[in-house]
Amino acid sequence: MLVVWGREDTWLPIDRGERLAAAIPGARLHPLEGAGHLVQEDAPAELTAALLDFLA
């Protein structure tokens, strides 16, 4: 599993993403710099690249 999280998320801070990824065996965290809670709006190209890399 890939956990993609906006590093600038002020609603659910990055430590929540870190804890989520740590709680799921084999998961990895991919923080997106400059993205907030809505990563698909804040960093669509970076999100797409992370997903494509993960799925490859």
N, C-alpha and C. Protein backbone atom coordinates (compact mmCIF):
# COMPACT_ATOMS: atom_id res chain seq x y z
N MET A 1 0.83 -1.16 0.00
CA MET A 1 0.00 0.00 0.00
C MET A 1 0.88 1.23 0.00
N LEU A 2 0.44 2.22 -0.74
CA LEU A 2 1.13 3.51 -0.77
C LEU A 2 0.25 4.53 -0.07
N VAL A 3 0.80 5.19 0.92
CA VAL A 3 0.10 6.26 1.63
C VAL A 3 0.70 7.57 1.13
N VAL A 4 -0.11 8.33 0.40
CA VAL A 4 0.34 9.63 -0.12
C VAL A 4 -0.27 10.70 0.77
N TRP A 5 0.57 11.59 1.29
CA TRP A 5 0.12 12.58 2.26
C TRP A 5 0.74 13.93 1.95
N GLY A 6 -0.04 14.97 2.04
CA GLY A 6 0.48 16.32 1.87
C GLY A 6 1.27 16.75 3.09
N ARG A 7 2.51 17.10 2.89
CA ARG A 7 3.36 17.49 4.02
C ARG A 7 2.83 18.74 4.72
N GLU A 8 2.11 19.59 4.01
CA GLU A 8 1.60 20.84 4.58
C GLU A 8 0.15 20.70 5.05
N ASP A 9 -0.35 19.48 5.21
CA ASP A 9 -1.73 19.25 5.64
C ASP A 9 -1.89 19.76 7.07
N THR A 10 -2.73 20.77 7.26
CA THR A 10 -2.95 21.33 8.59
C THR A 10 -4.16 20.69 9.27
N TRP A 11 -4.97 20.00 8.52
CA TRP A 11 -6.14 19.34 9.10
C TRP A 11 -5.75 17.99 9.69
N LEU A 12 -5.00 17.19 8.92
CA LEU A 12 -4.47 15.91 9.39
C LEU A 12 -2.96 15.94 9.13
N PRO A 13 -2.18 16.32 10.14
CA PRO A 13 -0.73 16.49 9.96
C PRO A 13 -0.01 15.22 9.52
N ILE A 14 1.18 15.42 8.99
CA ILE A 14 1.98 14.34 8.41
C ILE A 14 2.24 13.21 9.40
N ASP A 15 2.27 13.51 10.70
CA ASP A 15 2.51 12.43 11.67
C ASP A 15 1.39 11.39 11.64
N ARG A 16 0.20 11.79 11.26
CA ARG A 16 -0.89 10.83 11.12
C ARG A 16 -0.63 9.90 9.94
N GLY A 17 -0.10 10.45 8.86
CA GLY A 17 0.26 9.62 7.71
C GLY A 17 1.38 8.65 8.06
N GLU A 18 2.34 9.14 8.83
CA GLU A 18 3.44 8.28 9.27
C GLU A 18 2.92 7.13 10.12
N ARG A 19 2.01 7.43 11.04
CA ARG A 19 1.44 6.38 11.90
C ARG A 19 0.60 5.40 11.10
N LEU A 20 -0.16 5.91 10.12
CA LEU A 20 -0.97 5.04 9.28
C LEU A 20 -0.09 4.08 8.50
N ALA A 21 0.94 4.59 7.85
CA ALA A 21 1.84 3.74 7.07
C ALA A 21 2.54 2.72 7.96
N ALA A 22 2.91 3.12 9.17
CA ALA A 22 3.59 2.21 10.09
C ALA A 22 2.66 1.10 10.57
N ALA A 23 1.37 1.38 10.61
CA ALA A 23 0.40 0.41 11.12
C ALA A 23 -0.01 -0.62 10.07
N ILE A 24 0.33 -0.39 8.81
CA ILE A 24 -0.06 -1.30 7.73
C ILE A 24 1.20 -2.04 7.25
N PRO A 25 1.27 -3.34 7.47
CA PRO A 25 2.45 -4.10 7.05
C PRO A 25 2.75 -3.90 5.56
N GLY A 26 3.99 -3.54 5.28
CA GLY A 26 4.43 -3.37 3.90
C GLY A 26 4.09 -2.03 3.28
N ALA A 27 3.36 -1.18 3.99
CA ALA A 27 2.99 0.12 3.43
C ALA A 27 4.18 1.06 3.44
N ARG A 28 4.15 2.02 2.53
CA ARG A 28 5.18 3.06 2.55
C ARG A 28 4.50 4.41 2.41
N LEU A 29 5.12 5.40 3.01
CA LEU A 29 4.61 6.76 3.00
C LEU A 29 5.33 7.55 1.91
N HIS A 30 4.54 8.29 1.15
CA HIS A 30 5.10 9.19 0.13
C HIS A 30 4.56 10.59 0.43
N PRO A 31 5.31 11.39 1.18
CA PRO A 31 4.85 12.75 1.47
C PRO A 31 5.05 13.65 0.25
N LEU A 32 4.06 14.50 0.01
CA LEU A 32 4.16 15.44 -1.11
C LEU A 32 4.47 16.83 -0.56
N GLU A 33 5.61 17.34 -0.94
CA GLU A 33 6.04 18.68 -0.52
C GLU A 33 5.11 19.73 -1.11
N GLY A 34 4.75 20.71 -0.30
CA GLY A 34 3.94 21.83 -0.77
C GLY A 34 2.46 21.51 -0.92
N ALA A 35 2.06 20.29 -0.61
CA ALA A 35 0.65 19.91 -0.72
C ALA A 35 0.01 19.89 0.66
N GLY A 36 -1.25 20.29 0.68
CA GLY A 36 -2.02 20.26 1.92
C GLY A 36 -2.91 19.04 1.95
N HIS A 37 -4.11 19.22 2.50
CA HIS A 37 -5.02 18.10 2.67
C HIS A 37 -5.55 17.56 1.34
N LEU A 38 -5.77 18.42 0.39
CA LEU A 38 -6.30 18.00 -0.91
C LEU A 38 -5.17 17.86 -1.92
N VAL A 39 -4.40 16.79 -1.76
CA VAL A 39 -3.21 16.61 -2.60
C VAL A 39 -3.56 16.56 -4.08
N GLN A 40 -4.74 16.04 -4.41
CA GLN A 40 -5.12 15.95 -5.82
C GLN A 40 -5.31 17.34 -6.44
N GLU A 41 -5.59 18.34 -5.62
CA GLU A 41 -5.71 19.71 -6.13
C GLU A 41 -4.41 20.48 -5.97
N ASP A 42 -3.69 20.23 -4.88
CA ASP A 42 -2.47 20.97 -4.59
C ASP A 42 -1.28 20.51 -5.42
N ALA A 43 -1.22 19.23 -5.73
CA ALA A 43 -0.06 18.67 -6.44
C ALA A 43 -0.49 17.54 -7.36
N PRO A 44 -1.34 17.82 -8.35
CA PRO A 44 -1.86 16.72 -9.18
C PRO A 44 -0.78 15.99 -9.97
N ALA A 45 0.19 16.69 -10.49
CA ALA A 45 1.24 16.03 -11.28
C ALA A 45 2.10 15.14 -10.39
N GLU A 46 2.44 15.63 -9.20
CA GLU A 46 3.26 14.86 -8.28
C GLU A 46 2.51 13.63 -7.78
N LEU A 47 1.22 13.77 -7.51
CA LEU A 47 0.40 12.65 -7.09
C LEU A 47 0.32 11.60 -8.18
N THR A 48 0.08 12.03 -9.41
CA THR A 48 0.01 11.10 -10.53
C THR A 48 1.33 10.36 -10.71
N ALA A 49 2.44 11.08 -10.61
CA ALA A 49 3.76 10.45 -10.76
C ALA A 49 3.99 9.40 -9.66
N ALA A 50 3.61 9.74 -8.42
CA ALA A 50 3.78 8.79 -7.32
C ALA A 50 2.94 7.55 -7.53
N LEU A 51 1.71 7.72 -8.00
CA LEU A 51 0.83 6.57 -8.24
C LEU A 51 1.33 5.72 -9.38
N LEU A 52 1.77 6.34 -10.47
CA LEU A 52 2.27 5.59 -11.60
C LEU A 52 3.53 4.80 -11.23
N ASP A 53 4.40 5.42 -10.45
CA ASP A 53 5.62 4.73 -10.00
C ASP A 53 5.25 3.53 -9.12
N PHE A 54 4.31 3.73 -8.22
CA PHE A 54 3.89 2.66 -7.32
C PHE A 54 3.25 1.49 -8.10
N LEU A 55 2.45 1.81 -9.09
CA LEU A 55 1.73 0.78 -9.84
C LEU A 55 2.58 0.07 -10.89
N ALA A 56 3.73 0.65 -11.19
CA ALA A 56 4.59 0.07 -12.24
C ALA A 56 5.24 -1.22 -11.83
